[in-house]
PDB file of N, CA and C in Angstrom:
ATOM      1  N   MET A   1     -52.264  -9.828  19.923  1.00  0.00           N
ATOM      2  CA  MET A   1     -53.626  -8.840  19.829  1.00  0.00           C
ATOM      3  C   MET A   1     -53.517  -7.192  20.239  1.00  0.00           C
ATOM      4  N   LYS A   2     -53.919  -6.935  19.058  1.00  0.00           N
ATOM      5  CA  LYS A   2     -54.175  -5.197  19.473  1.00  0.00           C
ATOM      6  C   LYS A   2     -55.308  -4.730  19.306  1.00  0.00           C
ATOM      7  N   ILE A   3     -55.585  -3.824  20.789  1.00  0.00           N
ATOM      8  CA  ILE A   3     -57.089  -3.310  20.369  1.00  0.00           C
ATOM      9  C   ILE A   3     -56.641  -2.363  20.404  1.00  0.00           C
ATOM     10  N   GLN A   4     -57.381  -1.438  19.874  1.00  0.00           N
ATOM     11  CA  GLN A   4     -57.432   0.174  19.502  1.00  0.00           C
ATOM     12  C   GLN A   4     -59.253   0.775  19.420  1.00  0.00           C
ATOM     13  N   ILE A   5     -59.186   2.100  21.077  1.00  0.00           N
ATOM     14  CA  ILE A   5     -60.216   2.483  20.804  1.00  0.00           C
ATOM     15  C   ILE A   5     -60.024   3.748  20.393  1.00  0.00           C
ATOM     16  N   LEU A   6     -61.036   4.180  19.401  1.00  0.00           N
ATOM     17  CA  LEU A   6     -61.651   5.450  18.497  1.00  0.00           C
ATOM     18  C   LEU A   6     -61.854   6.296  19.126  1.00  0.00           C
ATOM     19  N   GLY A   7     -60.926   7.493  19.652  1.00  0.00           N
ATOM     20  CA  GLY A   7     -62.663   8.426  20.207  1.00  0.00           C
ATOM     21  C   GLY A   7     -61.667   9.486  20.536  1.00  0.00           C
ATOM     22  N   THR A   8     -62.196  10.728  20.732  1.00  0.00           N
ATOM     23  CA  THR A   8     -61.969  12.108  21.193  1.00  0.00           C
ATOM     24  C   THR A   8     -61.095  12.155  22.705  1.00  0.00           C
ATOM     25  N   GLY A   9     -61.725  11.353  23.125  1.00  0.00           N
ATOM     26  CA  GLY A   9     -61.538  11.044  25.251  1.00  0.00           C
ATOM     27  C   GLY A   9     -62.849  11.848  26.038  1.00  0.00           C
ATOM     28  N   CYS A  10     -63.616  11.758  24.677  1.00  0.00           N
ATOM     29  CA  CYS A  10     -65.170  11.644  25.744  1.00  0.00           C
ATOM     30  C   CYS A  10     -65.277  10.645  26.694  1.00  0.00           C
ATOM     31  N   ALA A  11     -66.260  10.806  27.661  1.00  0.00           N
ATOM     32  CA  ALA A  11     -66.991   9.695  28.912  1.00  0.00           C
ATOM     33  C   ALA A  11     -66.655   8.594  28.314  1.00  0.00           C
ATOM     34  N   LYS A  12     -67.703   8.456  26.629  1.00  0.00           N
ATOM     35  CA  LYS A  12     -68.028   7.362  26.302  1.00  0.00           C
ATOM     36  C   LYS A  12     -67.057   6.672  25.527  1.00  0.00           C
ATOM     37  N   CYS A  13     -66.327   7.177  25.134  1.00  0.00           N
ATOM     38  CA  CYS A  13     -64.734   6.383  24.925  1.00  0.00           C
ATOM     39  C   CYS A  13     -64.168   6.352  26.071  1.00  0.00           C
ATOM     40  N   LYS A  14     -64.023   7.071  27.075  1.00  0.00           N
ATOM     41  CA  LYS A  14     -63.064   6.303  28.666  1.00  0.00           C
ATOM     42  C   LYS A  14     -64.189   4.989  28.828  1.00  0.00           C
ATOM     43  N   ALA A  15     -65.168   5.357  28.761  1.00  0.00           N
ATOM     44  CA  ALA A  15     -66.162   4.072  29.234  1.00  0.00           C
ATOM     45  C   ALA A  15     -65.797   2.548  28.186  1.00  0.00           C
ATOM     46  N   LEU A  16     -65.692   2.863  26.925  1.00  0.00           N
ATOM     47  CA  LEU A  16     -65.632   1.930  26.003  1.00  0.00           C
ATOM     48  C   LEU A  16     -64.066   1.105  26.650  1.00  0.00           C
ATOM     49  N   THR A  17     -63.121   2.127  26.396  1.00  0.00           N
ATOM     50  CA  THR A  17     -61.738   1.254  26.911  1.00  0.00           C
ATOM     51  C   THR A  17     -61.410   0.617  28.443  1.00  0.00           C
ATOM     52  N   ALA A  18     -62.231   1.626  29.486  1.00  0.00           N
ATOM     53  CA  ALA A  18     -62.464   0.616  30.871  1.00  0.00           C
ATOM     54  C   ALA A  18     -62.900  -0.551  30.227  1.00  0.00           C
ATOM     55  N   ASN A  19     -64.023  -0.854  29.913  1.00  0.00           N
ATOM     56  CA  ASN A  19     -64.547  -2.032  29.291  1.00  0.00           C
ATOM     57  C   ASN A  19     -63.771  -3.573  28.345  1.00  0.00           C
ATOM     58  N   ALA A  20     -62.889  -2.381  27.491  1.00  0.00           N
ATOM     59  CA  ALA A  20     -62.165  -3.351  26.790  1.00  0.00           C
ATOM     60  C   ALA A  20     -61.102  -3.969  27.648  1.00  0.00           C
ATOM     61  N   GLU A  21     -60.345  -2.953  28.637  1.00  0.00           N
ATOM     62  CA  GLU A  21     -59.284  -3.334  29.248  1.00  0.00           C
ATOM     63  C   GLU A  21     -60.241  -4.704  30.276  1.00  0.00           C
ATOM     64  N   ALA A  22     -61.144  -4.515  31.043  1.00  0.00           N
ATOM     65  CA  ALA A  22     -61.925  -5.247  31.652  1.00  0.00           C
ATOM     66  C   ALA A  22     -61.838  -6.616  30.982  1.00  0.00           C
ATOM     67  N   ALA A  23     -62.541  -6.741  30.220  1.00  0.00           N
ATOM     68  CA  ALA A  23     -62.799  -7.922  29.370  1.00  0.00           C
ATOM     69  C   ALA A  23     -61.490  -8.520  29.058  1.00  0.00           C
ATOM     70  N   VAL A  24     -60.471  -8.089  28.287  1.00  0.00           N
ATOM     71  CA  VAL A  24     -59.217  -8.266  28.073  1.00  0.00           C
ATOM     72  C   VAL A  24     -58.557  -9.113  29.635  1.00  0.00           C
ATOM     73  N   LYS A  25     -58.669  -8.514  30.662  1.00  0.00           N
ATOM     74  CA  LYS A  25     -58.328  -9.048  32.119  1.00  0.00           C
ATOM     75  C   LYS A  25     -58.976 -10.106  32.626  1.00  0.00           C
ATOM     76  N   GLN A  26     -60.238 -10.641  31.735  1.00  0.00           N
ATOM     77  CA  GLN A  26     -61.370 -11.371  32.756  1.00  0.00           C
ATOM     78  C   GLN A  26     -61.176 -12.745  31.958  1.00  0.00           C
ATOM     79  N   MET A  27     -60.418 -12.644  30.540  1.00  0.00           N
ATOM     80  CA  MET A  27     -60.126 -13.768  29.608  1.00  0.00           C
ATOM     81  C   MET A  27     -58.051 -13.931  29.851  1.00  0.00           C
ATOM     82  N   GLY A  28     -57.661 -13.197  30.604  1.00  0.00           N
ATOM     83  CA  GLY A  28     -56.693 -13.432  30.727  1.00  0.00           C
ATOM     84  C   GLY A  28     -55.803 -13.335  29.464  1.00  0.00           C
ATOM     85  N   LEU A  29     -56.097 -12.663  28.285  1.00  0.00           N
ATOM     86  CA  LEU A  29     -55.337 -12.129  27.191  1.00  0.00           C
ATOM     87  C   LEU A  29     -54.163 -11.035  27.595  1.00  0.00           C
ATOM     88  N   ASP A  30     -52.997 -11.985  26.260  1.00  0.00           N
ATOM     89  CA  ASP A  30     -51.918 -11.131  26.212  1.00  0.00           C
ATOM     90  C   ASP A  30     -52.229  -9.956  24.777  1.00  0.00           C
ATOM     91  N   ALA A  31     -53.106  -8.607  25.264  1.00  0.00           N
ATOM     92  CA  ALA A  31     -53.357  -7.524  24.256  1.00  0.00           C
ATOM     93  C   ALA A  31     -52.890  -6.252  24.767  1.00  0.00           C
ATOM     94  N   GLU A  32     -52.476  -5.579  23.614  1.00  0.00           N
ATOM     95  CA  GLU A  32     -51.999  -4.356  24.250  1.00  0.00           C
ATOM     96  C   GLU A  32     -53.416  -3.401  23.572  1.00  0.00           C
ATOM     97  N   ILE A  33     -53.913  -2.546  24.380  1.00  0.00           N
ATOM     98  CA  ILE A  33     -54.883  -1.732  24.369  1.00  0.00           C
ATOM     99  C   ILE A  33     -54.091  -0.481  23.736  1.00  0.00           C
ATOM    100  N   GLU A  34     -54.827   0.457  22.726  1.00  0.00           N
ATOM    101  CA  GLU A  34     -54.216   1.465  22.313  1.00  0.00           C
ATOM    102  C   GLU A  34     -55.184   2.751  22.267  1.00  0.00           C
ATOM    103  N   LYS A  35     -55.338   4.060  23.025  1.00  0.00           N
ATOM    104  CA  LYS A  35     -56.704   4.767  22.564  1.00  0.00           C
ATOM    105  C   LYS A  35     -55.863   5.512  21.497  1.00  0.00           C
ATOM    106  N   VAL A  36     -56.670   6.031  19.973  1.00  0.00           N
ATOM    107  CA  VAL A  36     -56.586   6.592  18.814  1.00  0.00           C
ATOM    108  C   VAL A  36     -57.495   7.812  19.332  1.00  0.00           C
ATOM    109  N   GLU A  37     -57.166   9.044  19.335  1.00  0.00           N
ATOM    110  CA  GLU A  37     -57.669   9.988  19.859  1.00  0.00           C
ATOM    111  C   GLU A  37     -57.297  11.170  18.927  1.00  0.00           C
ATOM    112  N   ASP A  38     -56.448  11.151  17.765  1.00  0.00           N
ATOM    113  CA  ASP A  38     -55.890  12.000  16.469  1.00  0.00           C
ATOM    114  C   ASP A  38     -57.445  11.704  15.583  1.00  0.00           C
ATOM    115  N   ILE A  39     -58.022  12.641  15.413  1.00  0.00           N
ATOM    116  CA  ILE A  39     -59.547  12.634  14.600  1.00  0.00           C
ATOM    117  C   ILE A  39     -58.979  12.222  13.162  1.00  0.00           C
ATOM    118  N   GLN A  40     -57.860  12.630  12.509  1.00  0.00           N
ATOM    119  CA  GLN A  40     -57.431  11.886  11.289  1.00  0.00           C
ATOM    120  C   GLN A  40     -56.666  10.472  11.421  1.00  0.00           C
ATOM    121  N   GLU A  41     -56.477   9.747  12.658  1.00  0.00           N
ATOM    122  CA  GLU A  41     -56.481   8.809  12.697  1.00  0.00           C
ATOM    123  C   GLU A  41     -57.578   7.638  12.404  1.00  0.00           C
ATOM    124  N   ILE A  42     -58.449   8.050  13.203  1.00  0.00           N
ATOM    125  CA  ILE A  42     -59.913   7.956  13.382  1.00  0.00           C
ATOM    126  C   ILE A  42     -60.340   7.662  11.759  1.00  0.00           C
ATOM    127  N   ILE A  43     -60.049   8.623  11.484  1.00  0.00           N
ATOM    128  CA  ILE A  43     -60.848   8.756  10.268  1.00  0.00           C
ATOM    129  C   ILE A  43     -60.208   8.063   8.649  1.00  0.00           C
ATOM    130  N   LYS A  44     -58.745   7.398   9.107  1.00  0.00           N
ATOM    131  CA  LYS A  44     -58.063   6.540   8.230  1.00  0.00           C
ATOM    132  C   LYS A  44     -59.177   5.037   8.586  1.00  0.00           C
ATOM    133  N   PHE A  45     -59.429   4.716   9.318  1.00  0.00           N
ATOM    134  CA  PHE A  45     -59.732   3.627  10.093  1.00  0.00           C
ATOM    135  C   PHE A  45     -61.833   3.678   9.203  1.00  0.00           C
ATOM    136  N   GLY A  46     -61.833   4.796   9.221  1.00  0.00           N
ATOM    137  CA  GLY A  46     -63.235   5.295   8.141  1.00  0.00           C
ATOM    138  C   GLY A  46     -64.526   5.087   8.836  1.00  0.00           C
ATOM    139  N   VAL A  47     -64.114   5.400   9.701  1.00  0.00           N
ATOM    140  CA  VAL A  47     -64.827   5.440  11.480  1.00  0.00           C
ATOM    141  C   VAL A  47     -65.644   7.277  11.171  1.00  0.00           C
ATOM    142  N   MET A  48     -67.197   7.371  10.801  1.00  0.00           N
ATOM    143  CA  MET A  48     -67.749   8.282  11.109  1.00  0.00           C
ATOM    144  C   MET A  48     -68.280   9.100  12.602  1.00  0.00           C
ATOM    145  N   MET A  49     -68.404   7.775  13.519  1.00  0.00           N
ATOM    146  CA  MET A  49     -69.153   7.743  14.937  1.00  0.00           C
ATOM    147  C   MET A  49     -67.860   7.453  16.027  1.00  0.00           C
ATOM    148  N   THR A  50     -68.112   7.865  17.010  1.00  0.00           N
ATOM    149  CA  THR A  50     -67.027   7.326  18.170  1.00  0.00           C
ATOM    150  C   THR A  50     -68.276   7.403  19.125  1.00  0.00           C
ATOM    151  N   PRO A  51     -67.837   6.334  20.057  1.00  0.00           N
ATOM    152  CA  PRO A  51     -66.766   5.666  20.114  1.00  0.00           C
ATOM    153  C   PRO A  51     -66.190   4.829  19.151  1.00  0.00           C
ATOM    154  N   ALA A  52     -65.618   3.764  18.992  1.00  0.00           N
ATOM    155  CA  ALA A  52     -65.199   3.044  18.008  1.00  0.00           C
ATOM    156  C   ALA A  52     -64.168   1.968  18.559  1.00  0.00           C
ATOM    157  N   LEU A  53     -64.568   0.660  18.648  1.00  0.00           N
ATOM    158  CA  LEU A  53     -63.500  -0.403  18.668  1.00  0.00           C
ATOM    159  C   LEU A  53     -62.699  -0.835  17.612  1.00  0.00           C
ATOM    160  N   ALA A  54     -61.158  -1.182  17.827  1.00  0.00           N
ATOM    161  CA  ALA A  54     -61.243  -1.904  16.256  1.00  0.00           C
ATOM    162  C   ALA A  54     -59.901  -3.127  16.957  1.00  0.00           C
ATOM    163  N   VAL A  55     -60.305  -4.453  16.327  1.00  0.00           N
ATOM    164  CA  VAL A  55     -59.248  -5.349  16.735  1.00  0.00           C
ATOM    165  C   VAL A  55     -58.359  -5.485  15.200  1.00  0.00           C
ATOM    166  N   ASP A  56     -56.967  -5.320  15.869  1.00  0.00           N
ATOM    167  CA  ASP A  56     -55.657  -5.891  14.759  1.00  0.00           C
ATOM    168  C   ASP A  56     -56.107  -5.167  13.709  1.00  0.00           C
ATOM    169  N   GLY A  57     -56.409  -3.864  13.788  1.00  0.00           N
ATOM    170  CA  GLY A  57     -56.862  -2.883  12.512  1.00  0.00           C
ATOM    171  C   GLY A  57     -58.170  -3.202  11.763  1.00  0.00           C
ATOM    172  N   LYS A  58     -59.078  -4.304  12.181  1.00  0.00           N
ATOM    173  CA  LYS A  58     -60.487  -3.990  11.754  1.00  0.00           C
ATOM    174  C   LYS A  58     -61.606  -3.803  13.139  1.00  0.00           C
ATOM    175  N   VAL A  59     -61.951  -3.154  12.354  1.00  0.00           N
ATOM    176  CA  VAL A  59     -62.905  -2.156  12.970  1.00  0.00           C
ATOM    177  C   VAL A  59     -64.007  -2.890  13.315  1.00  0.00           C
ATOM    178  N   LYS A  60     -64.716  -3.041  14.707  1.00  0.00           N
ATOM    179  CA  LYS A  60     -65.755  -4.551  15.290  1.00  0.00           C
ATOM    180  C   LYS A  60     -66.938  -3.466  15.941  1.00  0.00           C
ATOM    181  N   ILE A  61     -66.610  -2.028  16.243  1.00  0.00           N
ATOM    182  CA  ILE A  61     -67.916  -1.816  17.214  1.00  0.00           C
ATOM    183  C   ILE A  61     -67.612  -0.102  16.669  1.00  0.00           C
ATOM    184  N   VAL A  62     -68.873   0.053  16.323  1.00  0.00           N
ATOM    185  CA  VAL A  62     -69.126   2.042  15.587  1.00  0.00           C
ATOM    186  C   VAL A  62     -70.351   2.187  16.896  1.00  0.00           C
ATOM    187  N   GLY A  63     -69.783   3.435  17.287  1.00  0.00           N
ATOM    188  CA  GLY A  63     -70.732   4.186  17.416  1.00  0.00           C
ATOM    189  C   GLY A  63     -71.203   3.931  19.416  1.00  0.00           C
ATOM    190  N   LYS A  64     -71.086   2.969  19.094  1.00  0.00           N
ATOM    191  CA  LYS A  64     -71.776   2.578  20.469  1.00  0.00           C
ATOM    192  C   LYS A  64     -70.581   2.180  22.128  1.00  0.00           C
ATOM    193  N   VAL A  65     -71.181   2.038  23.434  1.00  0.00           N
ATOM    194  CA  VAL A  65     -70.027   1.483  24.194  1.00  0.00           C
ATOM    195  C   VAL A  65     -70.711   0.325  24.439  1.00  0.00           C
ATOM    196  N   ALA A  66     -69.751  -0.682  23.957  1.00  0.00           N
ATOM    197  CA  ALA A  66     -70.007  -2.020  24.606  1.00  0.00           C
ATOM    198  C   ALA A  66     -69.526  -2.138  25.842  1.00  0.00           C
ATOM    199  N   SER A  67     -70.221  -3.418  26.339  1.00  0.00           N
ATOM    200  CA  SER A  67     -70.260  -4.075  27.584  1.00  0.00           C
ATOM    201  C   SER A  67     -68.791  -4.634  27.303  1.00  0.00           C
ATOM    202  N   ALA A  68     -68.127  -5.065  28.578  1.00  0.00           N
ATOM    203  CA  ALA A  68     -67.031  -6.244  28.654  1.00  0.00           C
ATOM    204  C   ALA A  68     -67.967  -7.407  27.881  1.00  0.00           C
ATOM    205  N   ASP A  69     -68.614  -8.141  28.577  1.00  0.00           N
ATOM    206  CA  ASP A  69     -69.331  -9.651  27.855  1.00  0.00           C
ATOM    207  C   ASP A  69     -69.147  -9.325  26.102  1.00  0.00           C
ATOM    208  N   GLU A  70     -69.903  -8.278  25.486  1.00  0.00           N
ATOM    209  CA  GLU A  70     -69.840  -7.912  24.485  1.00  0.00           C
ATOM    210  C   GLU A  70     -68.498  -7.751  23.720  1.00  0.00           C
ATOM    211  N   ILE A  71     -67.639  -7.384  24.545  1.00  0.00           N
ATOM    212  CA  ILE A  71     -66.147  -7.361  23.632  1.00  0.00           C
ATOM    213  C   ILE A  71     -65.482  -8.469  23.779  1.00  0.00           C
ATOM    214  N   LYS A  72     -66.106  -9.575  24.742  1.00  0.00           N
ATOM    215  CA  LYS A  72     -65.153 -10.591  25.070  1.00  0.00           C
ATOM    216  C   LYS A  72     -65.489 -11.273  24.090  1.00  0.00           C
ATOM    217  N   LYS A  73     -66.819 -11.519  23.748  1.00  0.00           N
ATOM    218  CA  LYS A  73     -67.076 -12.394  22.562  1.00  0.00           C
ATOM    219  C   LYS A  73     -66.558 -12.064  21.412  1.00  0.00           C
ATOM    220  N   LEU A  74     -66.168 -10.486  20.551  1.00  0.00           N
ATOM    221  CA  LEU A  74     -65.739 -10.313  19.811  1.00  0.00           C
ATOM    222  C   LEU A  74     -64.112 -11.159  19.918  1.00  0.00           C
ATOM    223  N   LEU A  75     -63.517 -11.003  21.052  1.00  0.00           N
ATOM    224  CA  LEU A  75     -62.348 -11.758  20.999  1.00  0.00           C
ATOM    225  C   LEU A  75     -62.074 -13.058  20.962  1.00  0.00           C
ATOM    226  N   ALA A  76     -62.853 -13.913  21.152  1.00  0.00           N
ATOM    227  CA  ALA A  76     -62.964 -15.006  21.582  1.00  0.00           C
ATOM    228  C   ALA A  76     -62.947 -15.768  20.592  1.00  0.00           C
TER     229      ALA A  76
END
């Protein structure tokens, strides 16, 4: 499983990254977490508002910092 955090490195992006890492750890998943900070790469996902979270290339959350619990529901 590949989880991508789309954002330019702002505080919200960092919070979403931390929450995604916590969710993966709590669930005991073997997942790669990648930060995508290049604006051109973010646009390729069709994302116009950050932060965003993609799972296996599919955007699941846009424009908000999801909690670890919200992320766990997406990954379950």
